[in-house]
Amino acid sequence: MGYICQKYYGYTDGSSADSIGANIAEGVGRGSYQDNRRFIKRARGSLNETQHRLRRAYMRNLLTVEQVDKLKLIIDELRSKLNSYLKSIGNVSEKE
């Protein structure tokens, strides 16, 4: 059973984590501030989903405390950068 959970959560974590970068890229590629903001918010949601799934993996003893500590630093830094970027591009009315 442990192998199935690890395989399932490893795949799911990768999927939500991959969505972070994919949403950032798609938002920038859309060409409008409104679309960019929407996709940055989606990226932030994918980051939250990734964090949730990592918590669940830890609760199931699939991650060690050391691994969680390293991942937490990365997640916190990325969250801060996403929020700063979102703030920097402002509201649609400010840019048009």
PDB file of N, CA and C in Angstrom:
ATOM      1  N   MET A   1       0.818  -1.199   0.000  1.00  0.00           N
ATOM      2  CA  MET A   1       0.000   0.000   0.000  1.00  0.00           C
ATOM      3  C   MET A   1       0.859   1.259   0.000  1.00  0.00           C
ATOM      4  N   GLY A   2       1.980   1.250   0.751  1.00  0.00           N
ATOM      5  CA  GLY A   2       2.871   2.409   0.794  1.00  0.00           C
ATOM      6  C   GLY A   2       3.389   2.793  -0.579  1.00  0.00           C
ATOM      7  N   TYR A   3       3.734   1.805  -1.401  1.00  0.00           N
ATOM      8  CA  TYR A   3       4.239   2.069  -2.743  1.00  0.00           C
ATOM      9  C   TYR A   3       3.184   2.764  -3.593  1.00  0.00           C
ATOM     10  N   ILE A   4       1.940   2.317  -3.485  1.00  0.00           N
ATOM     11  CA  ILE A   4       0.861   2.924  -4.265  1.00  0.00           C
ATOM     12  C   ILE A   4       0.660   4.375  -3.866  1.00  0.00           C
ATOM     13  N   CYS A   5       0.645   4.643  -2.564  1.00  0.00           N
ATOM     14  CA  CYS A   5       0.492   6.032  -2.097  1.00  0.00           C
ATOM     15  C   CYS A   5       1.652   6.895  -2.558  1.00  0.00           C
ATOM     16  N   GLN A   6       2.864   6.359  -2.437  1.00  0.00           N
ATOM     17  CA  GLN A   6       4.026   7.140  -2.837  1.00  0.00           C
ATOM     18  C   GLN A   6       3.978   7.423  -4.337  1.00  0.00           C
ATOM     19  N   LYS A   7       3.626   6.421  -5.108  1.00  0.00           N
ATOM     20  CA  LYS A   7       3.538   6.613  -6.554  1.00  0.00           C
ATOM     21  C   LYS A   7       2.446   7.626  -6.874  1.00  0.00           C
ATOM     22  N   TYR A   8       1.285   7.490  -6.260  1.00  0.00           N
ATOM     23  CA  TYR A   8       0.174   8.398  -6.519  1.00  0.00           C
ATOM     24  C   TYR A   8       0.515   9.826  -6.115  1.00  0.00           C
ATOM     25  N   TYR A   9       1.035  10.010  -4.915  1.00  0.00           N
ATOM     26  CA  TYR A   9       1.317  11.363  -4.455  1.00  0.00           C
ATOM     27  C   TYR A   9       2.519  11.970  -5.159  1.00  0.00           C
ATOM     28  N   GLY A  10       3.485  11.156  -5.530  1.00  0.00           N
ATOM     29  CA  GLY A  10       4.610  11.682  -6.300  1.00  0.00           C
ATOM     30  C   GLY A  10       4.144  12.231  -7.635  1.00  0.00           C
ATOM     31  N   TYR A  11       3.266  11.511  -8.300  1.00  0.00           N
ATOM     32  CA  TYR A  11       2.753  11.959  -9.595  1.00  0.00           C
ATOM     33  C   TYR A  11       1.900  13.205  -9.441  1.00  0.00           C
ATOM     34  N   THR A  12       1.015  13.204  -8.469  1.00  0.00           N
ATOM     35  CA  THR A  12       0.122  14.340  -8.277  1.00  0.00           C
ATOM     36  C   THR A  12       0.902  15.590  -7.896  1.00  0.00           C
ATOM     37  N   ASP A  13       1.881  15.441  -7.003  1.00  0.00           N
ATOM     38  CA  ASP A  13       2.692  16.599  -6.609  1.00  0.00           C
ATOM     39  C   ASP A  13       3.404  17.187  -7.808  1.00  0.00           C
ATOM     40  N   GLY A  14       3.947  16.337  -8.657  1.00  0.00           N
ATOM     41  CA  GLY A  14       4.628  16.813  -9.851  1.00  0.00           C
ATOM     42  C   GLY A  14       3.680  17.557 -10.764  1.00  0.00           C
ATOM     43  N   SER A  15       2.474  17.056 -10.862  1.00  0.00           N
ATOM     44  CA  SER A  15       1.478  17.665 -11.734  1.00  0.00           C
ATOM     45  C   SER A  15       1.107  19.072 -11.257  1.00  0.00           C
ATOM     46  N   SER A  16       0.810  19.231  -9.977  1.00  0.00           N
ATOM     47  CA  SER A  16       0.440  20.557  -9.473  1.00  0.00           C
ATOM     48  C   SER A  16       1.650  21.486  -9.473  1.00  0.00           C
ATOM     49  N   ALA A  17       2.820  20.951  -9.171  1.00  0.00           N
ATOM     50  CA  ALA A  17       4.041  21.767  -9.191  1.00  0.00           C
ATOM     51  C   ALA A  17       4.356  22.219 -10.614  1.00  0.00           C
ATOM     52  N   ASP A  18       4.170  21.340 -11.585  1.00  0.00           N
ATOM     53  CA  ASP A  18       4.401  21.714 -12.982  1.00  0.00           C
ATOM     54  C   ASP A  18       3.431  22.797 -13.442  1.00  0.00           C
ATOM     55  N   SER A  19       2.234  22.795 -12.887  1.00  0.00           N
ATOM     56  CA  SER A  19       1.229  23.796 -13.266  1.00  0.00           C
ATOM     57  C   SER A  19       1.640  25.207 -12.868  1.00  0.00           C
ATOM     58  N   ILE A  20       2.474  25.333 -11.850  1.00  0.00           N
ATOM     59  CA  ILE A  20       2.915  26.662 -11.415  1.00  0.00           C
ATOM     60  C   ILE A  20       3.640  27.349 -12.565  1.00  0.00           C
ATOM     61  N   GLY A  21       4.680  26.720 -13.068  1.00  0.00           N
ATOM     62  CA  GLY A  21       5.448  27.297 -14.172  1.00  0.00           C
ATOM     63  C   GLY A  21       4.656  27.420 -15.452  1.00  0.00           C
ATOM     64  N   ALA A  22       3.810  26.427 -15.724  1.00  0.00           N
ATOM     65  CA  ALA A  22       3.002  26.458 -16.940  1.00  0.00           C
ATOM     66  C   ALA A  22       2.033  27.647 -16.929  1.00  0.00           C
ATOM     67  N   ASN A  23       1.436  27.912 -15.791  1.00  0.00           N
ATOM     68  CA  ASN A  23       0.511  29.045 -15.696  1.00  0.00           C
ATOM     69  C   ASN A  23       1.240  30.380 -15.823  1.00  0.00           C
ATOM     70  N   ILE A  24       2.419  30.494 -15.254  1.00  0.00           N
ATOM     71  CA  ILE A  24       3.197  31.720 -15.398  1.00  0.00           C
ATOM     72  C   ILE A  24       3.523  31.952 -16.869  1.00  0.00           C
ATOM     73  N   ALA A  25       4.003  30.919 -17.541  1.00  0.00           N
ATOM     74  CA  ALA A  25       4.358  31.035 -18.957  1.00  0.00           C
ATOM     75  C   ALA A  25       3.142  31.387 -19.814  1.00  0.00           C
ATOM     76  N   GLU A  26       2.034  30.741 -19.549  1.00  0.00           N
ATOM     77  CA  GLU A  26       0.837  31.016 -20.343  1.00  0.00           C
ATOM     78  C   GLU A  26       0.342  32.436 -20.112  1.00  0.00           C
ATOM     79  N   GLY A  27       0.382  32.896 -18.868  1.00  0.00           N
ATOM     80  CA  GLY A  27      -0.065  34.250 -18.566  1.00  0.00           C
ATOM     81  C   GLY A  27       0.759  35.301 -19.274  1.00  0.00           C
ATOM     82  N   VAL A  28       2.063  35.132 -19.276  1.00  0.00           N
ATOM     83  CA  VAL A  28       2.951  36.085 -19.948  1.00  0.00           C
ATOM     84  C   VAL A  28       2.715  36.040 -21.459  1.00  0.00           C
ATOM     85  N   GLY A  29       2.470  34.854 -21.977  1.00  0.00           N
ATOM     86  CA  GLY A  29       2.281  34.696 -23.411  1.00  0.00           C
ATOM     87  C   GLY A  29       0.955  35.204 -23.947  1.00  0.00           C
ATOM     88  N   ARG A  30      -0.004  35.438 -23.085  1.00  0.00           N
ATOM     89  CA  ARG A  30      -1.325  35.872 -23.536  1.00  0.00           C
ATOM     90  C   ARG A  30      -1.340  37.303 -24.060  1.00  0.00           C
ATOM     91  N   GLY A  31      -0.459  38.137 -23.530  1.00  0.00           N
ATOM     92  CA  GLY A  31      -0.339  39.486 -24.072  1.00  0.00           C
ATOM     93  C   GLY A  31      -1.215  40.558 -23.445  1.00  0.00           C
ATOM     94  N   SER A  32      -2.027  40.219 -22.476  1.00  0.00           N
ATOM     95  CA  SER A  32      -2.822  41.254 -21.810  1.00  0.00           C
ATOM     96  C   SER A  32      -2.574  41.171 -20.309  1.00  0.00           C
ATOM     97  N   TYR A  33      -2.641  42.327 -19.669  1.00  0.00           N
ATOM     98  CA  TYR A  33      -2.415  42.357 -18.221  1.00  0.00           C
ATOM     99  C   TYR A  33      -3.482  41.544 -17.487  1.00  0.00           C
ATOM    100  N   GLN A  34      -4.715  41.623 -17.957  1.00  0.00           N
ATOM    101  CA  GLN A  34      -5.801  40.898 -17.296  1.00  0.00           C
ATOM    102  C   GLN A  34      -5.552  39.389 -17.345  1.00  0.00           C
ATOM    103  N   ASP A  35      -5.177  38.877 -18.506  1.00  0.00           N
ATOM    104  CA  ASP A  35      -4.877  37.446 -18.615  1.00  0.00           C
ATOM    105  C   ASP A  35      -3.660  37.072 -17.787  1.00  0.00           C
ATOM    106  N   ASN A  36      -2.646  37.923 -17.822  1.00  0.00           N
ATOM    107  CA  ASN A  36      -1.441  37.639 -17.052  1.00  0.00           C
ATOM    108  C   ASN A  36      -1.775  37.534 -15.561  1.00  0.00           C
ATOM    109  N   ARG A  37      -2.534  38.479 -15.049  1.00  0.00           N
ATOM    110  CA  ARG A  37      -2.927  38.448 -13.633  1.00  0.00           C
ATOM    111  C   ARG A  37      -3.720  37.179 -13.304  1.00  0.00           C
ATOM    112  N   ARG A  38      -4.639  36.825 -14.200  1.00  0.00           N
ATOM    113  CA  ARG A  38      -5.460  35.634 -13.961  1.00  0.00           C
ATOM    114  C   ARG A  38      -4.596  34.377 -13.872  1.00  0.00           C
ATOM    115  N   PHE A  39      -3.616  34.249 -14.776  1.00  0.00           N
ATOM    116  CA  PHE A  39      -2.776  33.057 -14.762  1.00  0.00           C
ATOM    117  C   PHE A  39      -1.778  33.063 -13.610  1.00  0.00           C
ATOM    118  N   ILE A  40      -1.342  34.244 -13.167  1.00  0.00           N
ATOM    119  CA  ILE A  40      -0.478  34.300 -11.979  1.00  0.00           C
ATOM    120  C   ILE A  40      -1.277  33.836 -10.762  1.00  0.00           C
ATOM    121  N   LYS A  41      -2.540  34.216 -10.698  1.00  0.00           N
ATOM    122  CA  LYS A  41      -3.387  33.744  -9.594  1.00  0.00           C
ATOM    123  C   LYS A  41      -3.584  32.233  -9.663  1.00  0.00           C
ATOM    124  N   ARG A  42      -3.697  31.700 -10.867  1.00  0.00           N
ATOM    125  CA  ARG A  42      -3.784  30.241 -11.013  1.00  0.00           C
ATOM    126  C   ARG A  42      -2.494  29.569 -10.555  1.00  0.00           C
ATOM    127  N   ALA A  43      -1.369  30.180 -10.888  1.00  0.00           N
ATOM    128  CA  ALA A  43      -0.083  29.641 -10.449  1.00  0.00           C
ATOM    129  C   ALA A  43      -0.015  29.614  -8.926  1.00  0.00           C
ATOM    130  N   ARG A  44      -0.518  30.667  -8.312  1.00  0.00           N
ATOM    131  CA  ARG A  44      -0.538  30.732  -6.848  1.00  0.00           C
ATOM    132  C   ARG A  44      -1.436  29.632  -6.284  1.00  0.00           C
ATOM    133  N   GLY A  45      -2.544  29.357  -6.931  1.00  0.00           N
ATOM    134  CA  GLY A  45      -3.418  28.259  -6.517  1.00  0.00           C
ATOM    135  C   GLY A  45      -2.728  26.907  -6.658  1.00  0.00           C
ATOM    136  N   SER A  46      -1.982  26.732  -7.732  1.00  0.00           N
ATOM    137  CA  SER A  46      -1.232  25.482  -7.917  1.00  0.00           C
ATOM    138  C   SER A  46      -0.154  25.331  -6.855  1.00  0.00           C
ATOM    139  N   LEU A  47       0.441  26.436  -6.458  1.00  0.00           N
ATOM    140  CA  LEU A  47       1.432  26.397  -5.374  1.00  0.00           C
ATOM    141  C   LEU A  47       0.770  25.955  -4.071  1.00  0.00           C
ATOM    142  N   ASN A  48      -0.418  26.484  -3.795  1.00  0.00           N
ATOM    143  CA  ASN A  48      -1.152  26.074  -2.591  1.00  0.00           C
ATOM    144  C   ASN A  48      -1.513  24.593  -2.646  1.00  0.00           C
ATOM    145  N   GLU A  49      -1.912  24.126  -3.830  1.00  0.00           N
ATOM    146  CA  GLU A  49      -2.238  22.706  -3.985  1.00  0.00           C
ATOM    147  C   GLU A  49      -0.998  21.839  -3.758  1.00  0.00           C
ATOM    148  N   THR A  50       0.121  22.273  -4.287  1.00  0.00           N
ATOM    149  CA  THR A  50       1.369  21.536  -4.091  1.00  0.00           C
ATOM    150  C   THR A  50       1.722  21.460  -2.610  1.00  0.00           C
ATOM    151  N   GLN A  51       1.587  22.583  -1.919  1.00  0.00           N
ATOM    152  CA  GLN A  51       1.881  22.606  -0.487  1.00  0.00           C
ATOM    153  C   GLN A  51       0.956  21.647   0.269  1.00  0.00           C
ATOM    154  N   HIS A  52      -0.306  21.643  -0.079  1.00  0.00           N
ATOM    155  CA  HIS A  52      -1.266  20.739   0.562  1.00  0.00           C
ATOM    156  C   HIS A  52      -0.863  19.284   0.340  1.00  0.00           C
ATOM    157  N   ARG A  53      -0.516  18.947  -0.883  1.00  0.00           N
ATOM    158  CA  ARG A  53      -0.171  17.558  -1.189  1.00  0.00           C
ATOM    159  C   ARG A  53       1.128  17.135  -0.495  1.00  0.00           C
ATOM    160  N   LEU A  54       2.050  18.081  -0.358  1.00  0.00           N
ATOM    161  CA  LEU A  54       3.275  17.763   0.368  1.00  0.00           C
ATOM    162  C   LEU A  54       2.996  17.532   1.857  1.00  0.00           C
ATOM    163  N   ARG A  55       2.073  18.314   2.416  1.00  0.00           N
ATOM    164  CA  ARG A  55       1.677  18.086   3.819  1.00  0.00           C
ATOM    165  C   ARG A  55       1.096  16.690   3.987  1.00  0.00           C
ATOM    166  N   ARG A  56       0.232  16.329   3.048  1.00  0.00           N
ATOM    167  CA  ARG A  56      -0.384  14.995   3.112  1.00  0.00           C
ATOM    168  C   ARG A  56       0.666  13.897   2.987  1.00  0.00           C
ATOM    169  N   ALA A  57       1.630  14.104   2.093  1.00  0.00           N
ATOM    170  CA  ALA A  57       2.697  13.113   1.936  1.00  0.00           C
ATOM    171  C   ALA A  57       3.503  12.988   3.228  1.00  0.00           C
ATOM    172  N   TYR A  58       3.758  14.107   3.906  1.00  0.00           N
ATOM    173  CA  TYR A  58       4.481  14.073   5.177  1.00  0.00           C
ATOM    174  C   TYR A  58       3.667  13.318   6.230  1.00  0.00           C
ATOM    175  N   MET A  59       2.374  13.594   6.292  1.00  0.00           N
ATOM    176  CA  MET A  59       1.508  12.924   7.262  1.00  0.00           C
ATOM    177  C   MET A  59       1.474  11.413   7.023  1.00  0.00           C
ATOM    178  N   ARG A  60       1.706  11.009   5.792  1.00  0.00           N
ATOM    179  CA  ARG A  60       1.725   9.581   5.459  1.00  0.00           C
ATOM    180  C   ARG A  60       3.141   9.004   5.540  1.00  0.00           C
ATOM    181  N   ASN A  61       4.064   9.789   6.113  1.00  0.00           N
ATOM    182  CA  ASN A  61       5.455   9.364   6.279  1.00  0.00           C
ATOM    183  C   ASN A  61       6.168   9.091   4.959  1.00  0.00           C
ATOM    184  N   LEU A  62       5.811   9.837   3.930  1.00  0.00           N
ATOM    185  CA  LEU A  62       6.477   9.709   2.640  1.00  0.00           C
ATOM    186  C   LEU A  62       7.593  10.745   2.488  1.00  0.00           C
ATOM    187  N   LEU A  63       7.613  11.737   3.374  1.00  0.00           N
ATOM    188  CA  LEU A  63       8.663  12.761   3.390  1.00  0.00           C
ATOM    189  C   LEU A  63       9.233  12.872   4.797  1.00  0.00           C
ATOM    190  N   THR A  64      10.515  13.191   4.866  1.00  0.00           N
ATOM    191  CA  THR A  64      11.152  13.394   6.167  1.00  0.00           C
ATOM    192  C   THR A  64      11.018  14.867   6.572  1.00  0.00           C
ATOM    193  N   VAL A  65      11.314  15.149   7.832  1.00  0.00           N
ATOM    194  CA  VAL A  65      11.294  16.526   8.332  1.00  0.00           C
ATOM    195  C   VAL A  65      12.290  17.372   7.541  1.00  0.00           C
ATOM    196  N   GLU A  66      13.461  16.821   7.245  1.00  0.00           N
ATOM    197  CA  GLU A  66      14.477  17.550   6.494  1.00  0.00           C
ATOM    198  C   GLU A  66      13.973  17.913   5.093  1.00  0.00           C
ATOM    199  N   GLN A  67      13.313  16.981   4.438  1.00  0.00           N
ATOM    200  CA  GLN A  67      12.766  17.253   3.111  1.00  0.00           C
ATOM    201  C   GLN A  67      11.696  18.338   3.183  1.00  0.00           C
ATOM    202  N   VAL A  68      10.835  18.250   4.174  1.00  0.00           N
ATOM    203  CA  VAL A  68       9.777  19.239   4.345  1.00  0.00           C
ATOM    204  C   VAL A  68      10.369  20.627   4.580  1.00  0.00           C
ATOM    205  N   ASP A  69      11.396  20.700   5.414  1.00  0.00           N
ATOM    206  CA  ASP A  69      12.039  21.986   5.699  1.00  0.00           C
ATOM    207  C   ASP A  69      12.616  22.619   4.435  1.00  0.00           C
ATOM    208  N   LYS A  70      13.270  21.821   3.605  1.00  0.00           N
ATOM    209  CA  LYS A  70      13.825  22.333   2.342  1.00  0.00           C
ATOM    210  C   LYS A  70      12.720  22.800   1.401  1.00  0.00           C
ATOM    211  N   LEU A  71      11.675  22.000   1.289  1.00  0.00           N
ATOM    212  CA  LEU A  71      10.578  22.349   0.389  1.00  0.00           C
ATOM    213  C   LEU A  71       9.822  23.582   0.878  1.00  0.00           C
ATOM    214  N   LYS A  72       9.688  23.727   2.172  1.00  0.00           N
ATOM    215  CA  LYS A  72       9.004  24.888   2.738  1.00  0.00           C
ATOM    216  C   LYS A  72       9.722  26.179   2.365  1.00  0.00           C
ATOM    217  N   LEU A  73      11.051  26.164   2.418  1.00  0.00           N
ATOM    218  CA  LEU A  73      11.826  27.351   2.028  1.00  0.00           C
ATOM    219  C   LEU A  73      11.564  27.729   0.571  1.00  0.00           C
ATOM    220  N   ILE A  74      11.531  26.729  -0.293  1.00  0.00           N
ATOM    221  CA  ILE A  74      11.278  26.975  -1.718  1.00  0.00           C
ATOM    222  C   ILE A  74       9.868  27.507  -1.929  1.00  0.00           C
ATOM    223  N   ILE A  75       8.888  26.885  -1.285  1.00  0.00           N
ATOM    224  CA  ILE A  75       7.494  27.308  -1.426  1.00  0.00           C
ATOM    225  C   ILE A  75       7.299  28.731  -0.917  1.00  0.00           C
ATOM    226  N   ASP A  76       7.868  29.037   0.241  1.00  0.00           N
ATOM    227  CA  ASP A  76       7.725  30.385   0.803  1.00  0.00           C
ATOM    228  C   ASP A  76       8.351  31.437  -0.104  1.00  0.00           C
ATOM    229  N   GLU A  77       9.517  31.128  -0.656  1.00  0.00           N
ATOM    230  CA  GLU A  77      10.179  32.074  -1.556  1.00  0.00           C
ATOM    231  C   GLU A  77       9.359  32.284  -2.827  1.00  0.00           C
ATOM    232  N   LEU A  78       8.856  31.202  -3.387  1.00  0.00           N
ATOM    233  CA  LEU A  78       8.065  31.311  -4.607  1.00  0.00           C
ATOM    234  C   LEU A  78       6.764  32.060  -4.353  1.00  0.00           C
ATOM    235  N   ARG A  79       6.132  31.809  -3.225  1.00  0.00           N
ATOM    236  CA  ARG A  79       4.893  32.520  -2.889  1.00  0.00           C
ATOM    237  C   ARG A  79       5.159  34.030  -2.819  1.00  0.00           C
ATOM    238  N   SER A  80       6.234  34.404  -2.167  1.00  0.00           N
ATOM    239  CA  SER A  80       6.600  35.809  -2.046  1.00  0.00           C
ATOM    240  C   SER A  80       6.857  36.427  -3.421  1.00  0.00           C
ATOM    241  N   LYS A  81       7.546  35.702  -4.274  1.00  0.00           N
ATOM    242  CA  LYS A  81       7.845  36.213  -5.618  1.00  0.00           C
ATOM    243  C   LYS A  81       6.582  36.340  -6.464  1.00  0.00           C
ATOM    244  N   LEU A  82       5.693  35.361  -6.373  1.00  0.00           N
ATOM    245  CA  LEU A  82       4.432  35.447  -7.125  1.00  0.00           C
ATOM    246  C   LEU A  82       3.601  36.640  -6.659  1.00  0.00           C
ATOM    247  N   ASN A  83       3.515  36.830  -5.355  1.00  0.00           N
ATOM    248  CA  ASN A  83       2.744  37.963  -4.821  1.00  0.00           C
ATOM    249  C   ASN A  83       3.367  39.293  -5.227  1.00  0.00           C
ATOM    250  N   SER A  84       4.684  39.384  -5.186  1.00  0.00           N
ATOM    251  CA  SER A  84       5.366  40.613  -5.591  1.00  0.00           C
ATOM    252  C   SER A  84       5.159  40.888  -7.073  1.00  0.00           C
ATOM    253  N   TYR A  85       5.249  39.847  -7.888  1.00  0.00           N
ATOM    254  CA  TYR A  85       5.040  40.012  -9.328  1.00  0.00           C
ATOM    255  C   TYR A  85       3.608  40.461  -9.609  1.00  0.00           C
ATOM    256  N   LEU A  86       2.662  39.837  -8.953  1.00  0.00           N
ATOM    257  CA  LEU A  86       1.257  40.204  -9.138  1.00  0.00           C
ATOM    258  C   LEU A  86       1.036  41.672  -8.771  1.00  0.00           C
ATOM    259  N   LYS A  87       1.625  42.086  -7.683  1.00  0.00           N
ATOM    260  CA  LYS A  87       1.507  43.479  -7.263  1.00  0.00           C
ATOM    261  C   LYS A  87       2.190  44.415  -8.262  1.00  0.00           C
ATOM    262  N   SER A  88       3.324  43.989  -8.812  1.00  0.00           N
ATOM    263  CA  SER A  88       4.089  44.851  -9.729  1.00  0.00           C
ATOM    264  C   SER A  88       3.369  45.099 -11.049  1.00  0.00           C
ATOM    265  N   ILE A  89       2.557  44.139 -11.486  1.00  0.00           N
ATOM    266  CA  ILE A  89       1.868  44.363 -12.764  1.00  0.00           C
ATOM    267  C   ILE A  89       0.573  45.143 -12.570  1.00  0.00           C
ATOM    268  N   GLY A  90       0.183  45.355 -11.324  1.00  0.00           N
ATOM    269  CA  GLY A  90      -0.939  46.237 -11.009  1.00  0.00           C
ATOM    270  C   GLY A  90      -2.274  45.769 -11.546  1.00  0.00           C
ATOM    271  N   ASN A  91      -3.230  46.668 -11.470  1.00  0.00           N
ATOM    272  CA  ASN A  91      -4.571  46.404 -11.974  1.00  0.00           C
ATOM    273  C   ASN A  91      -4.645  46.735 -13.447  1.00  0.00           C
ATOM    274  N   VAL A  92      -5.599  46.157 -14.130  1.00  0.00           N
ATOM    275  CA  VAL A  92      -5.782  46.371 -15.559  1.00  0.00           C
ATOM    276  C   VAL A  92      -5.963  47.861 -15.853  1.00  0.00           C
ATOM    277  N   SER A  93      -6.763  48.544 -15.073  1.00  0.00           N
ATOM    278  CA  SER A  93      -7.045  49.954 -15.322  1.00  0.00           C
ATOM    279  C   SER A  93      -5.805  50.818 -15.182  1.00  0.00           C
ATOM    280  N   GLU A  94      -4.841  50.378 -14.369  1.00  0.00           N
ATOM    281  CA  GLU A  94      -3.605  51.136 -14.179  1.00  0.00           C
ATOM    282  C   GLU A  94      -2.698  51.031 -15.405  1.00  0.00           C
ATOM    283  N   LYS A  95      -2.792  49.935 -16.154  1.00  0.00           N
ATOM    284  CA  LYS A  95      -1.860  49.675 -17.251  1.00  0.00           C
ATOM    285  C   LYS A  95      -2.424  50.042 -18.623  1.00  0.00           C
ATOM    286  N   GLU A  96      -3.736  50.158 -18.745  1.00  0.00           N
ATOM    287  CA  GLU A  96      -4.322  50.418 -20.071  1.00  0.00           C
ATOM    288  C   GLU A  96      -4.486  51.888 -20.329  1.00  0.00           C
TER     289      GLU A  96
END
